[in-house]
C-alpha atoms as a PDB file:
ATOM      1  CA  VAL A   1     -25.179  17.630  -2.372  1.00  0.00           C
ATOM      2  CA  GLU A   2     -23.441  16.412  -5.251  1.00  0.00           C
ATOM      3  CA  GLY A   3     -20.583  14.197  -3.964  1.00  0.00           C
ATOM      4  CA  ALA A   4     -22.615  13.777  -0.592  1.00  0.00           C
ATOM      5  CA  VAL A   5     -25.826  12.140  -1.695  1.00  0.00           C
ATOM      6  CA  THR A   6     -26.112   8.952  -3.749  1.00  0.00           C
ATOM      7  CA  VAL A   7     -29.681   8.363  -5.378  1.00  0.00           C
ATOM      8  CA  ILE A   8     -30.230   4.665  -6.274  1.00  0.00           C
ATOM      9  CA  GLN A   9     -33.406   3.611  -7.992  1.00  0.00           C
ATOM     10  CA  GLY A  10     -34.392   0.141  -8.573  1.00  0.00           C
ATOM     11  CA  ASP A  11     -35.582  -3.130  -6.676  1.00  0.00           C
ATOM     12  CA  ALA A  12     -35.048  -2.236  -2.999  1.00  0.00           C
ATOM     13  CA  ASP A  13     -34.898  -5.872  -2.229  1.00  0.00           C
ATOM     14  CA  LEU A  14     -31.919  -6.509  -4.309  1.00  0.00           C
ATOM     15  CA  ILE A  15     -30.158  -3.153  -4.053  1.00  0.00           C
ATOM     16  CA  MET A  16     -30.350  -2.343  -0.334  1.00  0.00           C
ATOM     17  CA  PRO A  17     -28.177  -5.140   0.858  1.00  0.00           C
ATOM     18  CA  LEU A  18     -25.660  -4.482  -1.765  1.00  0.00           C
ATOM     19  CA  VAL A  19     -25.279  -0.741  -0.384  1.00  0.00           C
ATOM     20  CA  ALA A  20     -25.626  -1.516   3.413  1.00  0.00           C
ATOM     21  CA  PRO A  21     -25.279  -0.102   5.770  1.00  0.00           C
ATOM     22  CA  VAL A  22     -26.975   3.185   4.952  1.00  0.00           C
ATOM     23  CA  ARG A  23     -27.396   6.242   7.230  1.00  0.00           C
ATOM     24  CA  VAL A  24     -30.789   7.534   5.451  1.00  0.00           C
ATOM     25  CA  LEU A  25     -33.524   5.528   3.960  1.00  0.00           C
ATOM     26  CA  LEU A  26     -36.388   7.646   1.953  1.00  0.00           C
ATOM     27  CA  ALA A  27     -39.361   5.818   0.509  1.00  0.00           C
ATOM     28  CA  ASN A  28     -42.572   7.446  -0.652  1.00  0.00           C
ATOM     29  CA  ILE A  29     -44.857   4.808  -1.750  1.00  0.00           C
ATOM     30  CA  ILE A  30     -48.064   3.190  -0.450  1.00  0.00           C
ATOM     31  CA  SER A  31     -48.044   1.473   3.042  1.00  0.00           C
ATOM     32  CA  SER A  32     -48.295  -2.120   1.712  1.00  0.00           C
ATOM     33  CA  VAL A  33     -45.089  -1.723  -0.149  1.00  0.00           C
ATOM     34  CA  LEU A  34     -43.428  -0.147   2.926  1.00  0.00           C
ATOM     35  CA  VAL A  35     -44.663  -2.992   5.312  1.00  0.00           C
ATOM     36  CA  SER A  36     -43.158  -5.556   2.855  1.00  0.00           C
ATOM     37  CA  LEU A  37     -39.903  -3.584   2.635  1.00  0.00           C
ATOM     38  CA  MET A  38     -39.483  -3.043   6.391  1.00  0.00           C
ATOM     39  CA  PRO A  39     -37.368  -6.273   6.873  1.00  0.00           C
ATOM     40  CA  VAL A  40     -34.789  -5.257   4.142  1.00  0.00           C
ATOM     41  CA  MET A  41     -34.821  -1.728   5.238  1.00  0.00           C
ATOM     42  CA  THR A  42     -34.206  -2.771   8.740  1.00  0.00           C
ATOM     43  CA  ARG A  43     -31.248  -4.996   7.924  1.00  0.00           C
ATOM     44  CA  SER A  44     -29.870  -2.478   5.524  1.00  0.00           C
ATOM     45  CA  ALA A  45     -29.852   0.525   7.833  1.00  0.00           C
ATOM     46  CA  GLY A  46     -26.807   1.344  10.092  1.00  0.00           C
ATOM     47  CA  ARG A  47     -27.205   1.723  13.666  1.00  0.00           C
ATOM     48  CA  ASP A  48     -27.606   5.483  13.559  1.00  0.00           C
ATOM     49  CA  ALA A  49     -29.807   5.425  10.349  1.00  0.00           C
ATOM     50  CA  VAL A  50     -33.034   7.383   9.900  1.00  0.00           C
ATOM     51  CA  LEU A  51     -36.108   6.297   7.935  1.00  0.00           C
ATOM     52  CA  ILE A  52     -38.112   8.854   6.178  1.00  0.00           C
ATOM     53  CA  LEU A  53     -41.308   7.389   4.982  1.00  0.00           C
ATOM     54  CA  GLY A  54     -44.199   9.033   2.948  1.00  0.00           C
ATOM     55  CA  GLY A  55     -47.235   7.798   0.764  1.00  0.00           C
ATOM     56  CA  ILE A  56     -48.982   6.665   3.908  1.00  0.00           C
ATOM     57  CA  LEU A  57     -52.705   7.627   4.319  1.00  0.00           C
ATOM     58  CA  ARG A  58     -53.591   9.194   7.639  1.00  0.00           C
ATOM     59  CA  GLU A  59     -55.856   6.468   8.560  1.00  0.00           C
ATOM     60  CA  GLU A  60     -52.674   4.034   8.260  1.00  0.00           C
ATOM     61  CA  ARG A  61     -50.703   5.793  10.795  1.00  0.00           C
ATOM     62  CA  ASP A  62     -51.573   3.430  13.808  1.00  0.00           C
ATOM     63  CA  ARG A  63     -50.727   0.454  11.705  1.00  0.00           C
ATOM     64  CA  MET A  64     -47.351   2.014  10.396  1.00  0.00           C
ATOM     65  CA  LEU A  65     -46.222   2.979  13.896  1.00  0.00           C
ATOM     66  CA  ASP A  66     -46.982  -0.767  14.957  1.00  0.00           C
ATOM     67  CA  VAL A  67     -44.967  -2.019  11.945  1.00  0.00           C
ATOM     68  CA  LEU A  68     -42.081   0.223  12.894  1.00  0.00           C
ATOM     69  CA  ALA A  69     -42.042  -0.785  16.357  1.00  0.00           C
ATOM     70  CA  ALA A  70     -42.177  -4.429  15.584  1.00  0.00           C
ATOM     71  CA  HIS A  71     -38.971  -3.898  13.423  1.00  0.00           C
ATOM     72  CA  GLY A  72     -37.050  -1.899  16.220  1.00  0.00           C
ATOM     73  CA  TRP A  73     -37.997   1.754  15.081  1.00  0.00           C
ATOM     74  CA  ARG A  74     -39.812   4.604  16.720  1.00  0.00           C
ATOM     75  CA  ALA A  75     -41.087   7.696  15.242  1.00  0.00           C
ATOM     76  CA  ASP A  76     -39.353  10.882  16.191  1.00  0.00           C
ATOM     77  CA  ALA A  77     -41.134  13.369  13.861  1.00  0.00           C
ATOM     78  CA  GLU A  78     -44.456  13.218  11.963  1.00  0.00           C
ATOM     79  CA  ASP A  79     -46.249  15.390   9.463  1.00  0.00           C
ATOM     80  CA  ALA A  80     -49.728  15.338   7.747  1.00  0.00           C
ATOM     81  CA  GLU A  81     -50.825  17.083   4.841  1.00  0.00           C
ATOM     82  CA  ASP A  82     -54.475  16.643   3.446  1.00  0.00           C
ATOM     83  CA  ALA A  83     -54.948  12.820   3.303  1.00  0.00           C
ATOM     84  CA  TRP A  84     -51.281  11.935   3.581  1.00  0.00           C
ATOM     85  CA  TRP A  85     -49.140  11.046   6.726  1.00  0.00           C
ATOM     86  CA  SER A  86     -45.201  10.925   6.790  1.00  0.00           C
ATOM     87  CA  VAL A  87     -42.886   9.827   9.491  1.00  0.00           C
ATOM     88  CA  ARG A  88     -39.175  10.182  10.334  1.00  0.00           C
ATOM     89  CA  ALA A  89     -38.143   7.126  12.404  1.00  0.00           C
ATOM     90  CA  VAL A  90     -34.929   6.311  14.306  1.00  0.00           C
ATOM     91  CA  ARG A  91     -33.826   3.001  15.968  1.00  0.00           C
ATOM     92  CA  ALA A  92     -35.680   2.310  19.178  1.00  0.00           C
END
């Protein structure tokens, strides 16, 4: 994937607006952080962007789906393994 994918690590609130618009946002971190980042992720995502979110407890699924919907996203794929849930979301 060299030349096709750029991986950037750092403070998402600072970095995402600098590289926007992006096609794919991948985050694997606890849901409270995902919720706080949702506004900047939404602003930084292109119209055809995909969010791939993990690090979410299964019991937090409904809350995260509500947060996604409130920011204009809808789940188009979900996966669960043990206590963990992940989602791929696209613009609603």
